[in-house]
Amino acid sequence: MKSISNNNERWEEKLKDLTFNVKQIQDNLLEEILTPNLKTEYLQSFHMDRFDKELFKKNVPVVTYEDIKPYIDRVVDGESSDVISSRPITGFLLSSGTSGGEQKMMPWNNKYLDNLTFAYDLRMHVITKHVKGLEEGKGMMFLFTKQEAITPSGLPARVATSSYFKSDYFKNRPSNWYYSYTSPDEVILCSNNTQSLYCHLLCGLVQRDEVVRMGSIFASVMVRAIKFLETYWEELCSNIRTGHLSEWITDLGCRSSVSLVLGGPRPNLAYTIETVCNQSSWEGIVNRLWPNTKYIETVVTGSMGQYVPTLNYYCSDLPLVSTTYGSSETTFGINVDPLCKPEDVSYAFMPNMSYFEFITMDGDKRDVVDLQDVKLGCTYEPVVTNFSGLYRMRVGDILMVTGFYNNAPQFKFVRRENVVLSIDSDKTNEEDLFKAVSQVKLVLESSDVILVDFTSYADTSTFPGHYVIYLEVKDKEGEKKKKEYVELNEELFSKCCSVMEDSLDNVYKRCRFKDGSVGPLEIRVVRQGMFDSLMDFFISQGASIGQYKTPRCIKSGKALEVMDECVVARFFST
């Protein structure tokens, strides 16, 4: 058995090689991808008769998902994989489906999991360099599996995390601290997310002194888990006290495996947990319930950034570690400075994952450059060529180059390109929206009101059309029990409307105040718990709880109906 120090040295050499030899590895990878696929129908249609990097860039166009979808659909419907890939397609990965209301299907094979597990092992090495004392503990990780669909081809369609958890890669994972969890595999594999979440919390509480890290794929799931604990802690303590699992947990795998973890009555442990949870304030609750936790591992970049204050409140400023940047198309890279502040997170792209190109987003010219040719301080949209039949496909994220780890560019996530509000010539992207909402948060907090979550949509049913912002708010927690409803002050929320408009760009202001082509901005306050209900809606439509991100611009008519049914007040700018 290799020692930990020898293993770390081996991974350090791998990281060094990857990040110094970026161009060579990328060029070799492109040849490895293209050479077996030259006879696919897709590449043949662009007259690719040999491997030639320049010919590839000249003949094969940069495409969107909609461009490639007809080819993917043919494989979904049962045609041979070699429409797009010589390597057999073994399934399809589903996107989260929350931005536009419809899930995308990405062709998938085991090479995706090869890359994913490589990234997991690499990030384990990076974390070990920065955080000490992890080897003897366990991770309390809120990991979930979404029930798969079977396509007409007979191949499964799953979210990426479910594909991993249902694979031999997960079943036969290494027996080290990074892959050691408080929850049995049966809890992770449970298709009922509510029962799974309850069991995750129960197992974590029973083993509270062994927990050295906590986390979830996205920060929103971590926040939801804590809110769930606020609702169910008394029942959880009852289970611990008696040693019996609640009867409503009906999943057989959960019942048998979690009963073993409970191990009989534990009245003293139940009393200790009740004492902590009964305190008037839940500030720092994570540290008090799991005192040996060293960091929280979850994505806090992009739209997840809004959950940072909430996590800091519950976790007393434990490090929030955002480890990996990935999507249904590919794993891109890892954070080589895991203890940096959330706002400083960047990801070093690993050149062995996929072949990466980048569309320049600064200025009017849209050049396409290679990974090794990106420039510091410039913004780009990544373009991916992978092992599963995607060639030069736009990802839709906008990234900024913040530095280099050896020769590997480091990128900061800026925004999703396709998430915008627009009525006329105004174009409000996700970054603009976040900046405006951050000003609203300051106004609310000055009146002891906390913003829980938000979303938006462009309402064109009125004339002129106008922006609608949905807000869920709550009172700041005090000595008294939290109120179920917040007293809504018209003056406060009208000010929020005005502050938000003041924060939007000059094109919006021209349309709104000079041209009159955009109407007054509207804030609709929804009942507390509404955004949990929105998550439940999207999960019922096929999204995964593990991959769910609150959509910042709603385009689904059904989702809008869900929101509007729970509006408790409306306010307009003047």
Protein backbone atom coordinates (compact mmCIF):
# COMPACT_ATOMS: atom_id res chain seq x y z
CA MET A 1 0.00 0.00 0.00
CA LYS A 2 1.38 3.39 -1.04
CA SER A 3 1.94 5.97 1.66
CA ILE A 4 -0.10 9.19 1.64
CA SER A 5 3.04 11.27 1.04
CA ASN A 6 4.04 9.16 -1.99
CA ASN A 7 0.52 9.41 -3.37
CA ASN A 8 0.54 13.18 -2.95
CA GLU A 9 3.89 13.42 -4.75
CA ARG A 10 2.47 11.38 -7.63
CA TRP A 11 -0.54 13.67 -8.00
CA GLU A 12 1.63 16.77 -7.67
CA GLU A 13 3.72 15.55 -10.61
CA LYS A 14 0.54 14.94 -12.64
CA LEU A 15 -0.74 18.45 -11.87
CA LYS A 16 2.63 19.92 -12.80
CA ASP A 17 2.76 18.06 -16.12
CA LEU A 18 -0.80 19.04 -17.05
CA THR A 19 -0.35 22.71 -16.28
CA PHE A 20 3.08 23.13 -17.91
CA ASN A 21 2.40 21.26 -21.18
CA VAL A 22 -0.95 22.79 -22.10
CA LYS A 23 -0.48 23.19 -25.87
CA GLN A 24 1.06 19.77 -26.45
CA ILE A 25 -1.60 17.97 -24.40
CA GLN A 26 -4.42 19.87 -26.15
CA ASP A 27 -3.06 19.16 -29.64
CA ASN A 28 -2.57 15.47 -28.84
CA LEU A 29 -6.05 15.29 -27.33
CA LEU A 30 -7.68 16.79 -30.42
CA GLU A 31 -5.96 14.18 -32.58
CA GLU A 32 -7.10 11.45 -30.17
CA ILE A 33 -10.70 12.67 -30.42
CA LEU A 34 -10.89 13.31 -34.16
CA THR A 35 -8.93 10.43 -35.72
CA PRO A 36 -11.38 7.63 -34.76
CA ASN A 37 -14.36 9.88 -35.62
CA LEU A 38 -13.43 10.92 -39.17
CA LYS A 39 -15.96 8.48 -40.64
CA THR A 40 -18.88 9.69 -38.53
CA GLU A 41 -21.71 11.20 -40.52
CA TYR A 42 -21.33 14.53 -38.75
CA LEU A 43 -17.64 15.07 -39.54
CA GLN A 44 -18.01 13.59 -43.04
CA SER A 45 -20.59 16.29 -43.80
CA PHE A 46 -17.82 18.85 -43.31
CA HIS A 47 -15.32 16.97 -45.53
CA MET A 48 -13.03 15.90 -42.71
CA ASP A 49 -11.08 13.11 -44.42
CA ARG A 50 -7.93 13.31 -42.27
CA PHE A 51 -6.73 14.72 -39.00
CA ASP A 52 -5.64 18.28 -39.57
CA LYS A 53 -6.13 20.86 -36.84
CA GLU A 54 -6.38 23.80 -39.24
CA LEU A 55 -8.75 21.92 -41.54
CA PHE A 56 -10.92 21.12 -38.51
CA LYS A 57 -11.09 24.79 -37.54
CA LYS A 58 -11.78 25.86 -41.13
CA ASN A 59 -14.41 23.27 -42.07
CA VAL A 60 -16.24 22.36 -38.87
CA PRO A 61 -18.44 25.23 -37.63
CA VAL A 62 -18.84 26.49 -34.08
CA VAL A 63 -22.36 25.42 -33.12
CA THR A 64 -25.00 25.70 -30.41
CA TYR A 65 -26.91 22.81 -28.87
CA GLU A 66 -29.85 23.55 -31.16
CA ASP A 67 -27.60 23.07 -34.20
CA ILE A 68 -26.40 19.63 -33.09
CA LYS A 69 -29.71 18.51 -31.54
CA PRO A 70 -31.10 16.84 -34.72
CA TYR A 71 -28.06 14.52 -34.78
CA ILE A 72 -28.35 13.77 -31.06
CA ASP A 73 -32.09 13.12 -31.43
CA ARG A 74 -31.39 10.48 -34.07
CA VAL A 75 -29.19 8.54 -31.62
CA VAL A 76 -31.80 9.08 -28.89
CA ASP A 77 -34.36 7.53 -31.21
CA GLY A 78 -32.25 4.45 -31.85
CA GLU A 79 -29.88 5.14 -34.74
CA SER A 80 -26.26 4.02 -34.47
CA SER A 81 -23.84 6.09 -32.38
CA ASP A 82 -21.64 6.64 -35.44
CA VAL A 83 -23.94 9.41 -36.58
CA ILE A 84 -21.77 11.50 -34.25
CA SER A 85 -19.31 9.19 -32.47
CA SER A 86 -17.28 6.07 -33.28
CA ARG A 87 -17.03 5.40 -29.56
CA PRO A 88 -20.41 3.84 -28.54
CA ILE A 89 -22.79 6.25 -26.82
CA THR A 90 -23.86 4.57 -23.58
CA GLY A 91 -26.40 7.15 -22.41
CA PHE A 92 -27.36 10.79 -22.27
CA LEU A 93 -26.61 13.42 -19.67
CA LEU A 94 -29.40 15.83 -18.80
CA SER A 95 -28.76 19.49 -18.10
CA SER A 96 -30.44 21.04 -15.05
CA GLY A 97 -33.29 22.40 -17.20
CA THR A 98 -33.88 25.48 -15.03
CA SER A 99 -32.65 28.29 -17.31
CA GLY A 100 -35.05 27.77 -20.20
CA GLY A 101 -37.41 25.23 -18.67
CA GLU A 102 -36.26 22.41 -20.98
CA GLN A 103 -33.53 19.89 -20.32
CA LYS A 104 -30.83 19.32 -22.92
CA MET A 105 -29.59 15.80 -23.68
CA MET A 106 -25.84 15.43 -24.12
CA PRO A 107 -24.41 12.17 -25.52
CA TRP A 108 -22.29 10.37 -22.96
CA ASN A 109 -19.88 7.47 -22.57
CA ASN A 110 -17.47 6.23 -19.92
CA LYS A 111 -14.79 8.69 -21.00
CA TYR A 112 -16.87 11.36 -19.24
CA LEU A 113 -16.63 9.40 -15.98
CA ASP A 114 -12.92 8.76 -16.54
CA ASN A 115 -12.41 12.52 -16.63
CA LEU A 116 -14.79 13.18 -13.74
CA THR A 117 -13.10 10.71 -11.40
CA PHE A 118 -9.69 12.03 -12.44
CA ALA A 119 -10.84 15.53 -11.48
CA TYR A 120 -12.16 14.22 -8.14
CA ASP A 121 -8.83 12.59 -7.34
CA LEU A 122 -6.90 15.69 -8.40
CA ARG A 123 -9.00 18.03 -6.29
CA MET A 124 -8.61 15.67 -3.31
CA HIS A 125 -4.86 16.12 -3.66
CA VAL A 126 -5.19 19.93 -3.88
CA ILE A 127 -7.42 20.09 -0.77
CA THR A 128 -5.01 17.86 1.16
CA LYS A 129 -2.26 20.40 0.48
CA HIS A 130 -4.29 23.21 2.03
CA VAL A 131 -6.37 21.58 4.79
CA LYS A 132 -4.79 19.32 7.41
CA GLY A 133 -6.37 16.65 9.61
CA LEU A 134 -8.91 15.27 7.12
CA GLU A 135 -7.66 11.70 6.83
CA GLU A 136 -9.37 10.30 9.92
CA GLY A 137 -12.81 11.82 9.38
CA LYS A 138 -15.84 11.55 7.12
CA GLY A 139 -17.71 13.83 4.77
CA MET A 140 -21.34 14.74 5.42
CA MET A 141 -22.24 15.28 1.79
CA PHE A 142 -25.76 15.95 0.54
CA LEU A 143 -25.58 13.82 -2.59
CA PHE A 144 -28.65 12.66 -4.50
CA THR A 145 -29.68 10.39 -7.34
CA LYS A 146 -32.42 11.32 -9.77
CA GLN A 147 -34.53 8.55 -11.29
CA GLU A 148 -33.47 7.98 -14.88
CA ALA A 149 -35.56 7.93 -18.04
CA ILE A 150 -35.13 5.35 -20.79
CA THR A 151 -34.95 6.80 -24.29
CA PRO A 152 -36.44 5.12 -27.40
CA SER A 153 -32.92 3.79 -28.12
CA GLY A 154 -33.03 1.88 -24.84
CA LEU A 155 -30.21 4.02 -23.45
CA PRO A 156 -30.68 5.83 -20.12
CA ALA A 157 -30.95 9.59 -19.76
CA ARG A 158 -29.69 10.85 -16.39
CA VAL A 159 -28.19 13.89 -14.77
CA ALA A 160 -24.39 13.74 -14.57
CA THR A 161 -24.23 13.06 -10.83
CA SER A 162 -26.70 10.16 -11.11
CA SER A 163 -24.61 8.66 -13.91
CA TYR A 164 -21.63 8.69 -11.57
CA PHE A 165 -23.45 7.37 -8.48
CA LYS A 166 -24.98 4.50 -10.46
CA SER A 167 -21.66 3.51 -12.03
CA ASP A 168 -18.91 1.11 -11.02
CA TYR A 169 -16.67 4.16 -10.60
CA PHE A 170 -18.69 5.09 -7.51
CA LYS A 171 -19.35 1.54 -6.33
CA ASN A 172 -15.63 0.67 -6.49
CA ARG A 173 -14.30 4.07 -5.40
CA PRO A 174 -11.07 4.28 -3.38
CA SER A 175 -11.30 3.67 0.38
CA ASN A 176 -9.83 6.98 1.51
CA TRP A 177 -11.12 10.01 3.44
CA TYR A 178 -12.40 11.86 0.38
CA TYR A 179 -14.76 9.06 -0.59
CA SER A 180 -15.84 8.22 2.97
CA TYR A 181 -19.31 9.53 3.79
CA THR A 182 -21.53 9.55 6.88
CA SER A 183 -24.41 8.30 4.71
CA PRO A 184 -24.56 4.75 3.37
CA ASP A 185 -24.63 4.40 -0.41
CA GLU A 186 -28.30 3.38 -0.18
CA VAL A 187 -29.19 6.91 1.00
CA ILE A 188 -27.35 8.52 -1.92
CA LEU A 189 -29.01 6.10 -4.37
CA CYS A 190 -32.53 6.64 -2.98
CA SER A 191 -34.74 8.13 -5.70
CA ASN A 192 -36.98 9.94 -3.17
CA ASN A 193 -35.06 13.15 -2.49
CA THR A 194 -37.02 14.07 0.67
CA GLN A 195 -36.41 10.69 2.31
CA SER A 196 -32.78 10.84 1.19
CA LEU A 197 -32.26 14.32 2.66
CA TYR A 198 -33.81 13.28 5.99
CA CYS A 199 -31.54 10.24 6.16
CA HIS A 200 -28.46 12.28 5.22
CA LEU A 201 -29.14 14.57 8.19
CA LEU A 202 -29.90 11.70 10.57
CA CYS A 203 -26.70 9.83 9.70
CA GLY A 204 -24.67 13.02 9.97
CA LEU A 205 -26.08 13.85 13.39
CA VAL A 206 -25.43 10.37 14.73
CA GLN A 207 -21.80 10.62 13.57
CA ARG A 208 -21.42 14.32 14.37
CA ASP A 209 -17.96 14.00 15.94
CA GLU A 210 -16.56 12.21 12.86
CA VAL A 211 -17.61 14.90 10.36
CA VAL A 212 -14.61 16.87 9.05
CA ARG A 213 -16.24 18.36 5.93
CA MET A 214 -19.75 19.08 4.74
CA GLY A 215 -21.16 19.98 1.38
CA SER A 216 -23.28 19.50 -1.71
CA ILE A 217 -22.84 20.02 -5.43
CA PHE A 218 -24.39 23.51 -5.31
CA ALA A 219 -24.69 25.98 -2.43
CA SER A 220 -28.48 26.16 -2.86
CA VAL A 221 -28.75 22.49 -1.83
CA MET A 222 -26.62 23.08 1.27
CA VAL A 223 -28.92 25.95 2.29
CA ARG A 224 -31.98 23.83 1.65
CA ALA A 225 -30.55 21.06 3.85
CA ILE A 226 -30.09 23.49 6.77
CA LYS A 227 -33.64 24.83 6.33
CA PHE A 228 -34.89 21.24 6.26
CA LEU A 229 -33.04 20.65 9.53
CA GLU A 230 -34.80 23.68 11.05
CA THR A 231 -38.13 21.99 10.28
CA TYR A 232 -37.27 18.40 11.22
CA TRP A 233 -34.72 18.57 14.04
CA GLU A 234 -37.21 17.53 16.73
CA GLU A 235 -38.25 14.44 14.77
CA LEU A 236 -34.61 13.62 14.01
CA CYS A 237 -33.81 13.82 17.72
CA SER A 238 -36.74 11.55 18.49
CA ASN A 239 -35.32 8.97 16.06
CA ILE A 240 -31.92 9.21 17.73
CA ARG A 241 -33.40 8.96 21.22
CA THR A 242 -35.45 5.84 20.46
CA GLY A 243 -33.11 4.27 17.91
CA HIS A 244 -36.02 3.89 15.46
CA LEU A 245 -36.36 5.53 12.05
CA SER A 246 -39.59 7.44 11.27
CA GLU A 247 -42.22 5.28 9.61
CA TRP A 248 -42.63 7.67 6.66
CA ILE A 249 -39.15 6.66 5.47
CA THR A 250 -40.38 3.82 3.29
CA ASP A 251 -37.40 3.29 0.96
CA LEU A 252 -36.16 -0.19 1.91
CA GLY A 253 -32.50 0.60 1.25
CA CYS A 254 -32.68 3.66 3.48
CA ARG A 255 -34.54 1.85 6.25
CA SER A 256 -32.12 -1.05 6.53
CA SER A 257 -28.87 0.90 6.13
CA VAL A 258 -29.82 3.89 8.30
CA SER A 259 -31.13 1.61 11.08
CA LEU A 260 -27.65 0.11 11.26
CA VAL A 261 -26.13 3.59 11.53
CA LEU A 262 -28.58 4.49 14.33
CA GLY A 263 -27.43 1.43 16.25
CA GLY A 264 -30.10 1.59 18.96
CA PRO A 265 -31.28 4.28 21.43
CA ARG A 266 -28.93 7.25 22.07
CA PRO A 267 -30.77 9.49 24.58
CA ASN A 268 -27.68 11.48 25.61
CA LEU A 269 -26.82 12.35 22.01
CA ALA A 270 -30.42 13.35 21.32
CA TYR A 271 -30.38 15.66 24.37
CA THR A 272 -27.12 17.30 23.24
CA ILE A 273 -28.50 17.99 19.75
CA GLU A 274 -31.82 19.29 21.13
CA THR A 275 -29.96 21.70 23.42
CA VAL A 276 -28.08 23.16 20.43
CA CYS A 277 -31.13 23.39 18.17
CA ASN A 278 -33.31 24.93 20.90
CA GLN A 279 -31.15 28.03 21.19
CA SER A 280 -32.80 31.27 20.08
CA SER A 281 -30.34 31.94 17.25
CA TRP A 282 -29.13 29.48 14.64
CA GLU A 283 -26.08 31.54 13.80
CA GLY A 284 -23.13 29.14 13.65
CA ILE A 285 -25.42 26.10 13.96
CA VAL A 286 -23.21 24.00 11.68
CA ASN A 287 -20.14 24.58 13.86
CA ARG A 288 -22.05 23.74 17.03
CA LEU A 289 -23.65 20.57 15.71
CA TRP A 290 -20.55 19.36 13.84
CA PRO A 291 -17.65 20.86 15.81
CA ASN A 292 -14.83 19.18 13.87
CA THR A 293 -15.90 20.47 10.46
CA LYS A 294 -13.01 22.16 8.69
CA TYR A 295 -14.68 23.44 5.52
CA ILE A 296 -17.83 23.45 3.40
CA GLU A 297 -17.39 21.99 -0.09
CA THR A 298 -19.92 23.41 -2.56
CA VAL A 299 -20.09 25.56 -5.68
CA VAL A 300 -20.43 29.22 -4.69
CA THR A 301 -19.62 30.82 -8.04
CA GLY A 302 -22.05 32.30 -10.57
CA SER A 303 -25.66 32.31 -9.42
CA MET A 304 -24.66 30.35 -6.29
CA GLY A 305 -22.83 33.44 -4.99
CA GLN A 306 -26.01 34.82 -3.47
CA TYR A 307 -26.06 31.98 -0.90
CA VAL A 308 -22.66 32.92 0.55
CA PRO A 309 -24.06 35.30 3.25
CA THR A 310 -26.57 32.66 4.34
CA LEU A 311 -23.91 29.97 4.56
CA ASN A 312 -21.57 32.31 6.42
CA TYR A 313 -24.36 32.92 8.94
CA TYR A 314 -25.07 29.24 9.54
CA CYS A 315 -21.42 28.13 9.31
CA SER A 316 -19.66 30.97 11.21
CA ASP A 317 -17.37 31.75 8.31
CA LEU A 318 -16.02 28.23 7.78
CA PRO A 319 -14.12 28.19 4.46
CA LEU A 320 -16.48 27.75 1.51
CA VAL A 321 -14.53 25.62 -0.96
CA SER A 322 -15.65 25.65 -4.59
CA THR A 323 -13.62 22.81 -6.09
CA THR A 324 -14.63 22.08 -9.67
CA TYR A 325 -16.08 23.72 -12.78
CA GLY A 326 -18.03 21.27 -14.89
CA SER A 327 -21.14 20.82 -17.00
CA SER A 328 -23.02 18.14 -18.91
CA GLU A 329 -20.60 18.70 -21.82
CA THR A 330 -17.37 18.20 -19.91
CA THR A 331 -15.36 18.74 -16.76
CA PHE A 332 -13.36 21.94 -17.33
CA GLY A 333 -11.00 22.37 -14.41
CA ILE A 334 -10.35 22.68 -10.70
CA ASN A 335 -9.75 25.40 -8.14
CA VAL A 336 -6.06 25.16 -7.20
CA ASP A 337 -6.48 27.72 -4.40
CA PRO A 338 -9.40 26.13 -2.52
CA LEU A 339 -9.27 28.36 0.57
CA CYS A 340 -9.62 31.61 -1.37
CA LYS A 341 -12.64 33.83 -0.78
CA PRO A 342 -15.77 32.88 -2.78
CA GLU A 343 -15.55 36.08 -4.84
CA ASP A 344 -11.97 35.20 -5.83
CA VAL A 345 -12.61 31.64 -7.04
CA SER A 346 -11.07 30.78 -10.40
CA TYR A 347 -10.66 27.40 -12.08
CA ALA A 348 -7.49 26.19 -13.78
CA PHE A 349 -8.54 24.41 -16.97
CA MET A 350 -7.14 20.90 -17.27
CA PRO A 351 -6.01 20.29 -20.88
CA ASN A 352 -6.68 16.52 -20.74
CA MET A 353 -10.45 16.88 -20.21
CA SER A 354 -11.66 18.03 -23.65
CA TYR A 355 -10.38 20.17 -26.49
CA PHE A 356 -11.11 23.76 -25.53
CA GLU A 357 -11.50 26.81 -27.73
CA PHE A 358 -12.72 30.26 -26.75
CA ILE A 359 -14.82 32.91 -28.44
CA THR A 360 -13.57 36.39 -27.60
CA MET A 361 -16.31 38.49 -25.99
CA ASP A 362 -14.52 41.85 -25.72
CA GLY A 363 -15.24 44.26 -28.55
CA ASP A 364 -17.25 43.49 -31.69
CA LYS A 365 -14.98 40.85 -33.23
CA ARG A 366 -15.73 37.23 -32.29
CA ASP A 367 -12.43 35.46 -32.88
CA VAL A 368 -11.92 31.85 -31.75
CA VAL A 369 -8.65 31.13 -29.95
CA ASP A 370 -7.04 28.08 -28.35
CA LEU A 371 -6.66 27.46 -24.62
CA GLN A 372 -3.00 28.48 -24.56
CA ASP A 373 -3.74 31.74 -26.42
CA VAL A 374 -6.25 33.39 -24.07
CA LYS A 375 -5.21 36.73 -22.57
CA LEU A 376 -5.20 37.92 -18.97
CA GLY A 377 -8.20 40.09 -18.10
CA CYS A 378 -10.17 39.19 -21.25
CA THR A 379 -13.58 37.49 -21.34
CA TYR A 380 -14.47 34.44 -23.41
CA GLU A 381 -17.17 31.87 -24.08
CA PRO A 382 -15.79 28.31 -24.03
CA VAL A 383 -16.28 25.98 -27.00
CA VAL A 384 -15.97 22.23 -26.39
CA THR A 385 -14.94 19.26 -28.51
CA ASN A 386 -15.23 16.08 -26.44
CA PHE A 387 -15.06 12.28 -26.65
CA SER A 388 -18.83 11.83 -26.88
CA GLY A 389 -19.71 13.35 -30.24
CA LEU A 390 -19.75 17.09 -29.53
CA TYR A 391 -17.61 19.14 -31.89
CA ARG A 392 -16.96 22.86 -31.37
CA MET A 393 -20.10 23.35 -29.29
CA ARG A 394 -20.69 26.61 -27.45
CA VAL A 395 -21.27 26.16 -23.73
CA GLY A 396 -23.06 29.45 -23.04
CA ASP A 397 -20.94 30.55 -20.05
CA ILE A 398 -18.94 33.76 -20.01
CA LEU A 399 -15.56 33.50 -18.27
CA MET A 400 -12.74 35.91 -17.47
CA VAL A 401 -9.05 35.00 -17.42
CA THR A 402 -7.75 35.91 -13.96
CA GLY A 403 -4.30 34.36 -14.08
CA PHE A 404 -2.26 31.27 -14.92
CA TYR A 405 -1.28 28.23 -12.87
CA ASN A 406 2.03 27.47 -14.55
CA ASN A 407 0.80 27.63 -18.19
CA ALA A 408 -2.81 26.64 -17.52
CA PRO A 409 -5.22 29.60 -17.74
CA GLN A 410 -7.43 30.24 -14.71
CA PHE A 411 -10.96 31.41 -15.39
CA LYS A 412 -13.51 33.14 -13.22
CA PHE A 413 -17.16 32.46 -13.96
CA VAL A 414 -18.86 35.73 -14.92
CA ARG A 415 -22.36 34.84 -16.08
CA ARG A 416 -24.53 32.71 -18.32
CA GLU A 417 -24.68 34.29 -21.74
CA ASN A 418 -28.30 33.36 -22.47
CA VAL A 419 -29.94 34.54 -19.25
CA VAL A 420 -31.28 38.02 -20.01
CA LEU A 421 -34.27 40.23 -19.47
CA SER A 422 -35.24 42.18 -22.55
CA ILE A 423 -38.33 44.16 -23.52
CA ASP A 424 -37.04 46.50 -26.23
CA SER A 425 -33.40 47.25 -27.09
CA ASP A 426 -32.50 46.74 -23.40
CA LYS A 427 -30.43 43.64 -22.62
CA THR A 428 -30.00 42.81 -18.93
CA ASN A 429 -27.75 39.82 -18.33
CA GLU A 430 -27.30 37.74 -15.21
CA GLU A 431 -24.37 39.80 -13.94
CA ASP A 432 -26.34 43.07 -14.29
CA LEU A 433 -29.28 41.49 -12.51
CA PHE A 434 -27.13 40.34 -9.59
CA LYS A 435 -25.62 43.81 -9.20
CA ALA A 436 -29.07 45.39 -9.08
CA VAL A 437 -30.39 42.81 -6.60
CA SER A 438 -27.34 43.34 -4.37
CA GLN A 439 -28.44 46.98 -3.98
CA VAL A 440 -31.95 45.82 -3.07
CA LYS A 441 -30.46 43.53 -0.40
CA LEU A 442 -28.74 46.51 1.22
CA VAL A 443 -32.00 48.48 1.33
CA LEU A 444 -33.88 45.54 2.85
CA GLU A 445 -31.18 44.81 5.44
CA SER A 446 -31.28 48.42 6.60
CA SER A 447 -34.86 47.69 7.66
CA ASP A 448 -34.04 44.31 9.26
CA VAL A 449 -35.44 42.33 6.33
CA ILE A 450 -33.44 39.50 4.72
CA LEU A 451 -33.64 38.57 1.04
CA VAL A 452 -34.03 34.78 0.82
CA ASP A 453 -34.05 34.32 -2.96
CA PHE A 454 -35.16 35.93 -6.20
CA THR A 455 -35.98 35.33 -9.83
CA SER A 456 -37.36 37.42 -12.69
CA TYR A 457 -39.08 37.49 -16.04
CA ALA A 458 -39.84 39.95 -18.80
CA ASP A 459 -43.60 40.56 -18.80
CA THR A 460 -44.69 41.49 -22.31
CA SER A 461 -48.40 40.97 -21.63
CA THR A 462 -48.62 44.64 -20.60
CA PHE A 463 -47.92 47.63 -22.82
CA PRO A 464 -45.25 48.65 -22.56
CA GLY A 465 -43.70 45.46 -21.23
CA HIS A 466 -41.82 45.58 -17.96
CA TYR A 467 -39.41 43.67 -15.71
CA VAL A 468 -40.94 41.57 -12.92
CA ILE A 469 -38.75 40.62 -9.97
CA TYR A 470 -39.98 37.94 -7.57
CA LEU A 471 -38.59 38.25 -4.04
CA GLU A 472 -38.89 35.97 -1.02
CA VAL A 473 -38.02 37.81 2.20
CA LYS A 474 -37.99 37.18 5.93
CA ASP A 475 -37.40 39.17 9.12
CA LYS A 476 -33.95 39.16 10.66
CA GLU A 477 -33.78 36.53 13.38
CA GLY A 478 -34.07 37.98 16.85
CA GLU A 479 -34.61 36.72 20.35
CA LYS A 480 -38.23 35.87 19.63
CA LYS A 481 -39.43 33.02 17.47
CA LYS A 482 -39.28 33.84 13.80
CA LYS A 483 -42.51 35.11 12.33
CA GLU A 484 -44.09 33.18 9.51
CA TYR A 485 -45.02 36.38 7.66
CA VAL A 486 -43.09 39.60 7.17
CA GLU A 487 -44.88 42.93 7.57
CA LEU A 488 -44.57 44.45 4.09
CA ASN A 489 -43.82 48.15 4.12
CA GLU A 490 -44.96 49.82 0.88
CA GLU A 491 -42.43 52.62 1.16
CA LEU A 492 -39.58 50.13 1.65
CA PHE A 493 -40.43 47.98 -1.37
CA SER A 494 -41.19 50.95 -3.60
CA LYS A 495 -37.71 52.18 -2.75
CA CYS A 496 -36.36 48.76 -3.70
CA CYS A 497 -37.99 49.12 -7.13
CA SER A 498 -36.37 52.51 -7.65
CA VAL A 499 -32.95 51.41 -6.38
CA MET A 500 -33.03 48.42 -8.70
CA GLU A 501 -33.84 50.57 -11.73
CA ASP A 502 -31.09 53.01 -10.79
CA SER A 503 -28.64 50.10 -10.81
CA LEU A 504 -29.47 48.92 -14.35
CA ASP A 505 -27.51 50.11 -17.38
CA ASN A 506 -28.00 53.24 -19.49
CA VAL A 507 -29.80 51.43 -22.31
CA TYR A 508 -32.47 50.25 -19.86
CA LYS A 509 -32.78 53.76 -18.43
CA ARG A 510 -33.15 55.26 -21.90
CA CYS A 511 -35.90 52.75 -22.80
CA ARG A 512 -37.60 53.24 -19.46
CA PHE A 513 -37.43 56.99 -18.91
CA LYS A 514 -36.82 58.58 -22.33
CA ASP A 515 -38.34 56.32 -24.96
CA GLY A 516 -41.11 54.90 -22.76
CA SER A 517 -40.64 51.50 -24.40
CA VAL A 518 -40.20 49.76 -21.02
CA GLY A 519 -42.74 50.13 -18.22
CA PRO A 520 -42.15 50.59 -14.47
CA LEU A 521 -40.27 47.76 -12.80
CA GLU A 522 -42.46 45.54 -10.60
CA ILE A 523 -41.52 43.62 -7.46
CA ARG A 524 -43.77 40.71 -6.51
CA VAL A 525 -43.21 39.45 -2.98
CA VAL A 526 -44.00 35.74 -2.61
CA ARG A 527 -44.85 33.76 0.49
CA GLN A 528 -42.08 32.23 2.56
CA GLY A 529 -41.00 28.83 1.27
CA MET A 530 -41.99 29.69 -2.29
CA PHE A 531 -38.53 29.08 -3.73
CA ASP A 532 -38.49 25.64 -2.13
CA SER A 533 -41.78 25.02 -3.92
CA LEU A 534 -40.24 26.28 -7.17
CA MET A 535 -37.41 23.79 -6.71
CA ASP A 536 -39.95 21.03 -6.09
CA PHE A 537 -41.74 22.04 -9.30
CA PHE A 538 -38.60 21.81 -11.42
CA ILE A 539 -37.66 18.50 -9.80
CA SER A 540 -41.13 17.17 -10.68
CA GLN A 541 -40.39 18.23 -14.28
CA GLY A 542 -37.18 16.20 -14.36
CA ALA A 543 -34.52 18.43 -12.77
CA SER A 544 -32.19 16.93 -10.18
CA ILE A 545 -32.07 18.24 -6.60
CA GLY A 546 -28.30 17.75 -6.70
CA GLN A 547 -27.88 19.93 -9.79
CA TYR A 548 -30.69 22.42 -9.18
CA LYS A 549 -29.97 26.12 -9.48
CA THR A 550 -32.67 28.74 -8.97
CA PRO A 551 -33.41 30.10 -12.46
CA ARG A 552 -32.67 33.83 -12.53
CA CYS A 553 -34.94 34.40 -15.50
CA ILE A 554 -38.04 32.22 -15.76
CA LYS A 555 -39.13 31.23 -19.25
CA SER A 556 -41.44 28.36 -18.37
CA GLY A 557 -45.13 29.31 -18.38
CA LYS A 558 -45.95 26.62 -15.81
CA ALA A 559 -43.22 27.87 -13.48
CA LEU A 560 -44.63 31.40 -13.74
CA GLU A 561 -48.04 30.05 -12.77
CA VAL A 562 -46.48 28.43 -9.70
CA MET A 563 -44.87 31.75 -8.73
CA ASP A 564 -47.92 33.92 -9.35
CA GLU A 565 -50.15 31.69 -7.23
CA CYS A 566 -48.01 32.58 -4.21
CA VAL A 567 -47.65 36.35 -4.66
CA VAL A 568 -48.65 38.19 -1.47
CA ALA A 569 -47.92 41.79 -2.55
CA ARG A 570 -46.95 43.86 -5.60
CA PHE A 571 -44.96 47.08 -5.78
CA PHE A 572 -43.96 49.31 -8.70
CA SER A 573 -41.28 51.90 -9.31
CA THR A 574 -42.52 55.45 -9.78
